[in-house]
Structure formats: structure tokens, C-alpha cells
Amino acid sequence: MNSKHTLTVHIIGYGNQARAWAQNLRDNGHNVHIVLRKHSAREVEVRQQQFNLIELEDFSPIDGDILAILTPDNCHKEILDGISKRCFTQRLTCIYAHGYSYVAFELKNNFPHWQHLLLAPKAIATELRARFIKKEGLSAVISDEGALDRQLSHDLLLHLCHALGINVGPFDVTFKQEADADMFSEQAILCGALPFLGIFVYQRMIEHGISPELAYLESWYEIQLIASTMTKLGPQKFFEMISPNALHGAIKASDRLFDKAFQERLDGLAQEIWSGKFYQEAKSLRWHEDLEKVRNTINKSDLEDIHKQLGPKLFG
């Protein structure tokens, strides 16, 4: 497929990831339509951005259309069920930014007349957009295992990657590999360990008389600075460049925190993902009730207050 070939992509949803996809694709000269539920809260923003808006309830794609399903994963089967009732005989290409729904809801078996492709950028939505604009490094993984024509589908995935600004890779994986890795690393560990560790450290410093401003800078703000340095330099150079005190602290903390018991708990979490237990738990979540309940249980210390004061000045 010629890299200059213009595509028409129907993006279902307009959350952070969908917004980044839509803007990047349009900036690269492709046609983008946004598909939303009737009376969606995102409707005004979509119109302000001057994208063509289609109501999901009336959406009837035609043979050969490309659908990027970028709503929350647990909504995918419900959305495809609705579309399938109107377009059962049409040959459509469905593209997912994560592997979870394809695996958890057996989308290939439920919708065998459609193509199911994975294009998972390895960047949060804000970085997908910012790095596209700055022409910085962006990577992704892809899979054409759910394709009806694998060669054409692989070419389409490469074309879309180029349009989104992917310039490292993309790398071929399976849907399940991406889903397992994403749940274990990004969703369970990085989205759990990093923020909770930041909150915990902040609270301990406050309890020991450290000012809120200093505690915030040390526990929350420096996460970005250290993580950026770590990922840019790699492990060897990172540990070579940090101070002797930081290296001493790193070894001391790793011995205390990452002991055998911690590794066993980590292995237990991984096993829940590899075995499929995590998938079943996630499928049973009631997105509005259960997730709001979980959010309300998170300890919201005055770290949030100091972040509102300093965050905009530090992060823009």
C-alpha cells in the first residue's frame, strides 16, 4: 500500500486515545469520521474540532470500511453487536488499540465475517499526540492474526502506523501477548506501584515534618524526571550517573522491598493474568458503579491539593 494513499477511518469514541488518533490521522491527510452515541458529552468538542460526526445508533458502515474501536474495552462487544445487526453481511475491518477485548470476548468467533486487527501504540494518548507533533520516537505493536487477508491487512497496519507517527517498529505480536503484557506491566504494576508509592512517600514525609511543597517535589514531581532519565539512559548508565547516596539508597531499598515475599506476590499477580482469572474479573466489572466505588476508596491525601497548586506551574 502506497504511504500516500488516503484512508477513511471511522473512529468509535472520542476519549484521549481516540482524540490523538483522529488528530494525527487528519494531520497526515487522511479522512476521519467520529462515531459517538447519541447525546454524547463529547459531541460539542468533536464539532469544534470540525470532524464529521456520526451517531452510533444510526451508523451503518459499508463494505470495506475501517473502524477503529477506541472506546473502553468492556464496551467493544456491545458496540459490535449493534453494528452487526445492521451490517451483518458487510466486510469490515475492526482495529483495536489493545488486545484485551479481542481475547476476553472472543471477538473473532463472535464476528467471524469481519477482520480484527491490533494496532497498539506504546504511549499514553498525550504522548502519542505530543511526540507526533515533535516528530519524536513512537513505537507500537501490531497483529493481523484476526485478518481475512493477512497480507493486505499487514500492509494496512503499516500504513496506519505511519499515519499515526509510529517510527520505531512496529513489532509483530499476538493479541494475547499484548493484552497480558499491558495488564501486567502498565495497568497492574506501573499504574499501581508508581502513583501509590508516590502517595505513600508523600504522606510519610508530611508525618515527619517535611513541608507540603518539598514533599510534593520529592515524591511526585521527581517521578517524571527520574523516569525520563532512566528510560533515556538505560539501566547501566542510569546507575552510573546517580550520586553515591542515591546508589546506596537504591540498593538498600531494593533489598528491603523486593524480597522473596514480594517476588512471590508479583508472580501470583502474573499468574492470575496468564491464567485468564484477571480477564474474568475485569469482564464482570460494572463500569460506572464498580469503578467509581474503587476510585472513591483511593486515599486522597492533601497531595491532590498541593498538586493543583504546583502542578500547572511545573508541568504546564
Protein backbone atom coordinates (compact mmCIF):
# COMPACT_ATOMS: atom_id res chain seq x y z
CA MET A 1 0.00 0.00 0.00
CA ASN A 2 1.38 3.38 -1.02
CA SER A 3 2.27 5.52 2.02
CA LYS A 4 0.50 8.46 0.35
CA HIS A 5 -2.76 6.53 -0.14
CA THR A 6 -5.60 8.37 1.61
CA LEU A 7 -7.59 6.31 4.06
CA THR A 8 -11.05 6.88 5.50
CA VAL A 9 -11.22 5.78 9.13
CA HIS A 10 -14.31 5.71 11.34
CA ILE A 11 -13.18 6.21 14.94
CA ILE A 12 -15.69 5.00 17.50
CA GLY A 13 -15.36 7.06 20.67
CA TYR A 14 -13.59 10.32 21.42
CA GLY A 15 -11.67 9.77 24.63
CA ASN A 16 -8.00 10.66 24.97
CA GLN A 17 -6.67 7.87 22.74
CA ALA A 18 -9.34 8.40 20.07
CA ARG A 19 -8.67 12.14 20.03
CA ALA A 20 -4.95 11.58 19.47
CA TRP A 21 -5.62 9.08 16.67
CA ALA A 22 -8.09 11.42 14.99
CA GLN A 23 -5.79 14.43 15.09
CA ASN A 24 -2.69 12.53 13.95
CA LEU A 25 -4.51 10.81 11.09
CA ARG A 26 -6.08 14.04 9.90
CA ASP A 27 -2.78 15.92 10.09
CA ASN A 28 -1.32 13.25 7.81
CA GLY A 29 -4.04 13.84 5.22
CA HIS A 30 -6.49 11.05 6.00
CA ASN A 31 -10.27 11.27 6.28
CA VAL A 32 -11.59 10.80 9.81
CA HIS A 33 -15.19 10.35 10.93
CA ILE A 34 -16.07 10.24 14.64
CA VAL A 35 -18.83 7.86 15.75
CA LEU A 36 -20.48 8.65 19.11
CA ARG A 37 -23.56 7.61 21.00
CA LYS A 38 -26.50 9.96 20.68
CA HIS A 39 -26.24 12.93 23.09
CA SER A 40 -22.62 12.10 23.94
CA ALA A 41 -20.85 14.64 26.16
CA ARG A 42 -18.04 14.65 23.55
CA GLU A 43 -20.29 15.88 20.75
CA VAL A 44 -19.55 19.59 21.24
CA GLU A 45 -15.79 19.01 21.23
CA VAL A 46 -15.95 16.88 18.08
CA ARG A 47 -17.88 19.58 16.26
CA GLN A 48 -15.49 22.26 17.50
CA GLN A 49 -12.62 20.21 16.09
CA GLN A 50 -14.55 20.10 12.81
CA PHE A 51 -14.65 16.34 12.48
CA ASN A 52 -17.58 14.72 10.71
CA LEU A 53 -19.85 13.29 13.43
CA ILE A 54 -21.97 10.15 13.04
CA GLU A 55 -24.38 8.86 15.69
CA LEU A 56 -23.58 5.29 16.68
CA GLU A 57 -27.23 4.25 16.72
CA ASP A 58 -27.53 5.16 13.02
CA PHE A 59 -24.05 4.05 11.96
CA SER A 60 -24.24 1.63 9.02
CA PRO A 61 -20.75 1.13 7.58
CA ILE A 62 -20.39 -0.19 4.08
CA ASP A 63 -18.27 -2.99 2.68
CA GLY A 64 -14.55 -2.29 3.16
CA ASP A 65 -14.91 0.37 5.85
CA ILE A 66 -12.24 0.71 8.54
CA LEU A 67 -13.44 1.02 12.13
CA ALA A 68 -11.07 1.98 14.94
CA ILE A 69 -12.78 0.83 18.15
CA LEU A 70 -11.36 3.23 20.74
CA THR A 71 -13.99 3.16 23.47
CA PRO A 72 -13.32 1.40 26.83
CA ASP A 73 -12.59 -2.28 26.19
CA ASN A 74 -15.64 -3.64 28.00
CA CYS A 75 -17.94 -1.77 25.58
CA HIS A 76 -16.50 -3.31 22.42
CA LYS A 77 -18.71 -6.38 22.09
CA GLU A 78 -21.88 -4.40 22.82
CA ILE A 79 -20.92 -1.84 20.14
CA LEU A 80 -20.07 -4.51 17.57
CA ASP A 81 -23.29 -6.38 18.34
CA GLY A 82 -25.26 -3.26 17.47
CA ILE A 83 -23.34 -2.64 14.25
CA SER A 84 -23.58 -6.29 13.25
CA LYS A 85 -27.37 -6.21 13.36
CA ARG A 86 -27.35 -3.50 10.70
CA CYS A 87 -24.33 -4.65 8.67
CA PHE A 88 -24.05 -8.41 9.09
CA THR A 89 -23.02 -9.12 5.52
CA GLN A 90 -20.59 -6.24 5.13
CA ARG A 91 -16.87 -6.97 5.21
CA LEU A 92 -15.46 -4.55 7.77
CA THR A 93 -12.03 -4.09 9.31
CA CYS A 94 -12.06 -3.51 13.07
CA ILE A 95 -8.90 -2.13 14.64
CA TYR A 96 -8.16 -2.18 18.38
CA ALA A 97 -5.58 -0.25 20.38
CA HIS A 98 -5.36 -3.05 22.97
CA GLY A 99 -5.63 -6.83 22.79
CA TYR A 100 -7.90 -7.31 25.82
CA SER A 101 -11.38 -7.23 24.26
CA TYR A 102 -10.41 -9.48 21.33
CA VAL A 103 -9.24 -12.13 23.80
CA ALA A 104 -11.76 -11.67 26.61
CA PHE A 105 -14.87 -11.50 24.43
CA GLU A 106 -13.67 -13.87 21.68
CA LEU A 107 -14.44 -11.26 19.03
CA LYS A 108 -13.08 -13.36 16.17
CA ASN A 109 -15.53 -16.15 16.99
CA ASN A 110 -18.45 -13.78 17.56
CA PHE A 111 -17.83 -11.75 14.41
CA PRO A 112 -16.02 -14.10 12.02
CA HIS A 113 -17.19 -12.18 8.94
CA TRP A 114 -15.08 -9.15 9.92
CA GLN A 115 -11.35 -8.58 10.12
CA HIS A 116 -9.90 -7.89 13.57
CA LEU A 117 -6.52 -6.15 13.70
CA LEU A 118 -4.35 -4.88 16.54
CA LEU A 119 -2.52 -1.56 16.42
CA ALA A 120 -1.34 -0.71 19.92
CA PRO A 121 0.79 2.43 20.26
CA LYS A 122 3.09 2.11 23.25
CA ALA A 123 2.44 5.61 24.52
CA ILE A 124 -0.32 7.25 26.51
CA ALA A 125 -2.60 9.46 24.45
CA THR A 126 -0.96 12.77 25.35
CA GLU A 127 2.44 11.40 24.35
CA LEU A 128 1.04 9.93 21.13
CA ARG A 129 -0.04 13.40 20.12
CA ALA A 130 2.93 15.36 21.51
CA ARG A 131 5.55 13.05 20.02
CA PHE A 132 3.74 13.11 16.67
CA ILE A 133 3.91 16.90 16.62
CA LYS A 134 7.57 16.98 17.65
CA LYS A 135 8.45 14.01 15.39
CA GLU A 136 9.96 12.16 18.35
CA GLY A 137 10.22 8.41 18.84
CA LEU A 138 6.95 6.47 18.86
CA SER A 139 6.61 2.70 18.92
CA ALA A 140 3.74 0.25 18.51
CA VAL A 141 2.92 -3.44 18.27
CA ILE A 142 0.59 -4.95 15.67
CA SER A 143 -1.19 -8.21 14.91
CA ASP A 144 -3.00 -9.41 11.80
CA GLU A 145 -3.96 -12.79 13.29
CA GLY A 146 -7.66 -11.87 13.05
CA ALA A 147 -7.42 -10.92 9.38
CA LEU A 148 -9.29 -12.44 6.44
CA ASP A 149 -6.45 -11.42 4.11
CA ARG A 150 -3.26 -11.25 6.15
CA GLN A 151 -1.00 -9.66 3.57
CA LEU A 152 -3.38 -6.80 2.78
CA SER A 153 -4.16 -6.36 6.46
CA HIS A 154 -0.48 -6.23 7.38
CA ASP A 155 0.08 -3.58 4.72
CA LEU A 156 -2.88 -1.60 6.10
CA LEU A 157 -1.46 -1.77 9.62
CA LEU A 158 1.90 -0.47 8.44
CA HIS A 159 0.17 2.33 6.56
CA LEU A 160 -1.84 3.31 9.65
CA CYS A 161 1.25 3.17 11.84
CA HIS A 162 3.00 5.59 9.51
CA ALA A 163 -0.07 7.87 9.58
CA LEU A 164 -0.12 7.87 13.39
CA GLY A 165 3.57 8.77 13.59
CA ILE A 166 4.94 5.37 14.57
CA ASN A 167 8.64 5.45 13.66
CA VAL A 168 10.09 2.66 15.85
CA GLY A 169 8.86 -0.75 14.73
CA PRO A 170 6.05 -1.69 14.63
CA PHE A 171 6.64 -5.12 16.13
CA ASP A 172 4.53 -8.19 15.39
CA VAL A 173 2.90 -9.84 18.42
CA THR A 174 -0.33 -11.69 19.18
CA PHE A 175 -3.44 -10.11 20.68
CA LYS A 176 -2.99 -12.13 23.88
CA GLN A 177 0.67 -11.23 24.25
CA GLU A 178 -0.21 -7.54 24.07
CA ALA A 179 -3.15 -7.93 26.45
CA ASP A 180 -1.14 -9.94 29.02
CA ALA A 181 1.84 -7.59 28.89
CA ASP A 182 -0.34 -4.49 29.09
CA MET A 183 -2.33 -5.76 32.07
CA PHE A 184 0.69 -6.98 33.98
CA SER A 185 3.11 -4.13 33.36
CA GLU A 186 1.24 -0.94 32.56
CA GLN A 187 -2.15 -1.47 34.17
CA ALA A 188 -1.41 -3.55 37.26
CA ILE A 189 2.16 -2.53 38.12
CA LEU A 190 3.02 0.87 36.64
CA CYS A 191 -0.44 2.37 37.19
CA GLY A 192 -0.47 0.84 40.66
CA ALA A 193 3.05 0.90 42.04
CA LEU A 194 4.12 4.35 40.84
CA PRO A 195 1.16 6.50 41.96
CA PHE A 196 0.57 4.61 45.20
CA LEU A 197 4.27 4.74 46.03
CA GLY A 198 4.24 8.49 45.36
CA ILE A 199 1.24 8.98 47.67
CA PHE A 200 2.78 6.77 50.38
CA VAL A 201 6.12 8.60 50.31
CA TYR A 202 4.40 12.00 50.38
CA GLN A 203 2.34 11.04 53.43
CA ARG A 204 5.35 9.72 55.30
CA MET A 205 7.32 12.92 54.69
CA ILE A 206 4.41 15.07 55.89
CA GLU A 207 4.18 12.95 59.05
CA HIS A 208 7.87 13.66 59.69
CA GLY A 209 7.53 17.41 59.38
CA ILE A 210 8.53 17.94 55.74
CA SER A 211 6.73 20.89 54.15
CA PRO A 212 3.96 20.01 51.66
CA GLU A 213 5.81 21.79 48.84
CA LEU A 214 9.07 19.92 49.39
CA ALA A 215 7.26 16.62 49.93
CA TYR A 216 5.40 17.09 46.64
CA LEU A 217 8.56 17.92 44.70
CA GLU A 218 10.40 14.90 46.11
CA SER A 219 7.60 12.32 45.93
CA TRP A 220 5.52 13.23 42.88
CA TYR A 221 7.25 15.73 40.61
CA GLU A 222 10.56 13.85 40.58
CA ILE A 223 8.87 10.68 39.33
CA GLN A 224 8.75 12.24 35.87
CA LEU A 225 12.34 13.50 36.00
CA ILE A 226 13.82 10.22 37.22
CA ALA A 227 11.70 8.03 34.93
CA SER A 228 12.65 10.17 31.92
CA THR A 229 16.36 9.94 32.74
CA MET A 230 16.12 6.22 33.43
CA THR A 231 14.39 5.40 30.15
CA LYS A 232 16.67 7.62 28.06
CA LEU A 233 19.95 6.32 29.53
CA GLY A 234 19.14 2.65 30.10
CA PRO A 235 19.82 0.79 33.35
CA GLN A 236 23.63 0.68 33.23
CA LYS A 237 24.23 4.37 32.52
CA PHE A 238 21.46 5.42 34.90
CA PHE A 239 23.12 3.70 37.85
CA GLU A 240 26.48 5.08 36.75
CA MET A 241 25.28 8.68 36.75
CA ILE A 242 23.29 8.83 40.00
CA SER A 243 25.04 10.01 43.17
CA PRO A 244 26.72 7.62 45.64
CA ASN A 245 23.97 8.36 48.17
CA ALA A 246 21.28 7.58 45.58
CA LEU A 247 23.01 4.35 44.62
CA HIS A 248 23.35 3.35 48.27
CA GLY A 249 19.66 4.11 48.81
CA ALA A 250 18.68 2.19 45.70
CA ILE A 251 20.49 -0.96 46.82
CA LYS A 252 19.21 -0.67 50.39
CA ALA A 253 15.60 -0.15 49.26
CA SER A 254 15.72 -2.94 46.68
CA ASP A 255 16.98 -5.40 49.32
CA ARG A 256 14.25 -4.35 51.74
CA LEU A 257 11.32 -4.05 49.34
CA PHE A 258 11.94 -6.58 46.58
CA ASP A 259 12.49 -9.58 48.81
CA LYS A 260 11.37 -13.15 48.16
CA ALA A 261 7.89 -12.47 49.55
CA PHE A 262 7.43 -9.54 47.16
CA GLN A 263 8.57 -11.63 44.20
CA GLU A 264 6.12 -14.38 45.16
CA ARG A 265 3.26 -11.87 45.32
CA LEU A 266 4.31 -10.46 41.95
CA ASP A 267 4.41 -13.98 40.48
CA GLY A 268 0.91 -14.58 41.89
CA LEU A 269 -0.42 -11.49 40.16
CA ALA A 270 1.24 -12.52 36.91
CA GLN A 271 -0.27 -16.00 37.15
CA GLU A 272 -3.77 -14.51 37.54
CA ILE A 273 -3.22 -12.70 34.24
CA TRP A 274 -1.64 -15.61 32.33
CA SER A 275 -4.37 -17.99 33.52
CA GLY A 276 -7.22 -15.71 32.50
CA LYS A 277 -8.57 -15.00 36.01
CA PHE A 278 -7.82 -11.29 35.62
CA TYR A 279 -9.80 -11.26 32.35
CA GLN A 280 -12.85 -12.76 34.04
CA GLU A 281 -12.68 -10.27 36.91
CA ALA A 282 -12.38 -7.35 34.50
CA LYS A 283 -15.31 -8.62 32.42
CA SER A 284 -17.57 -8.67 35.49
CA LEU A 285 -16.89 -5.04 36.40
CA ARG A 286 -19.83 -2.69 36.16
CA TRP A 287 -18.01 0.24 34.62
CA HIS A 288 -19.94 3.09 36.20
CA GLU A 289 -20.78 1.64 39.64
CA ASP A 290 -17.79 -0.57 40.45
CA LEU A 291 -15.09 1.71 39.07
CA GLU A 292 -16.50 4.79 40.78
CA LYS A 293 -16.56 2.82 44.03
CA VAL A 294 -12.90 1.86 43.55
CA ARG A 295 -11.91 5.45 42.80
CA ASN A 296 -13.67 6.63 45.95
CA THR A 297 -11.68 4.17 48.08
CA ILE A 298 -8.34 5.58 46.96
CA ASN A 299 -6.82 7.64 49.75
CA LYS A 300 -6.98 11.24 48.52
CA SER A 301 -4.48 12.96 50.78
CA ASP A 302 -3.68 16.64 50.57
CA LEU A 303 -1.18 15.65 47.86
CA GLU A 304 -4.05 16.45 45.47
CA ASP A 305 -4.32 19.97 46.88
CA ILE A 306 -0.62 20.72 46.53
CA HIS A 307 -0.64 19.22 43.02
CA LYS A 308 -3.39 21.65 41.99
CA GLN A 309 -1.23 24.47 43.33
CA LEU A 310 2.13 23.48 41.83
CA GLY A 311 1.34 21.03 39.02
CA PRO A 312 0.19 23.57 36.40
CA LYS A 313 3.30 25.68 37.01
CA LEU A 314 5.66 22.70 36.75
CA PHE A 315 4.00 20.66 34.00
CA GLY A 316 2.21 23.41 32.06
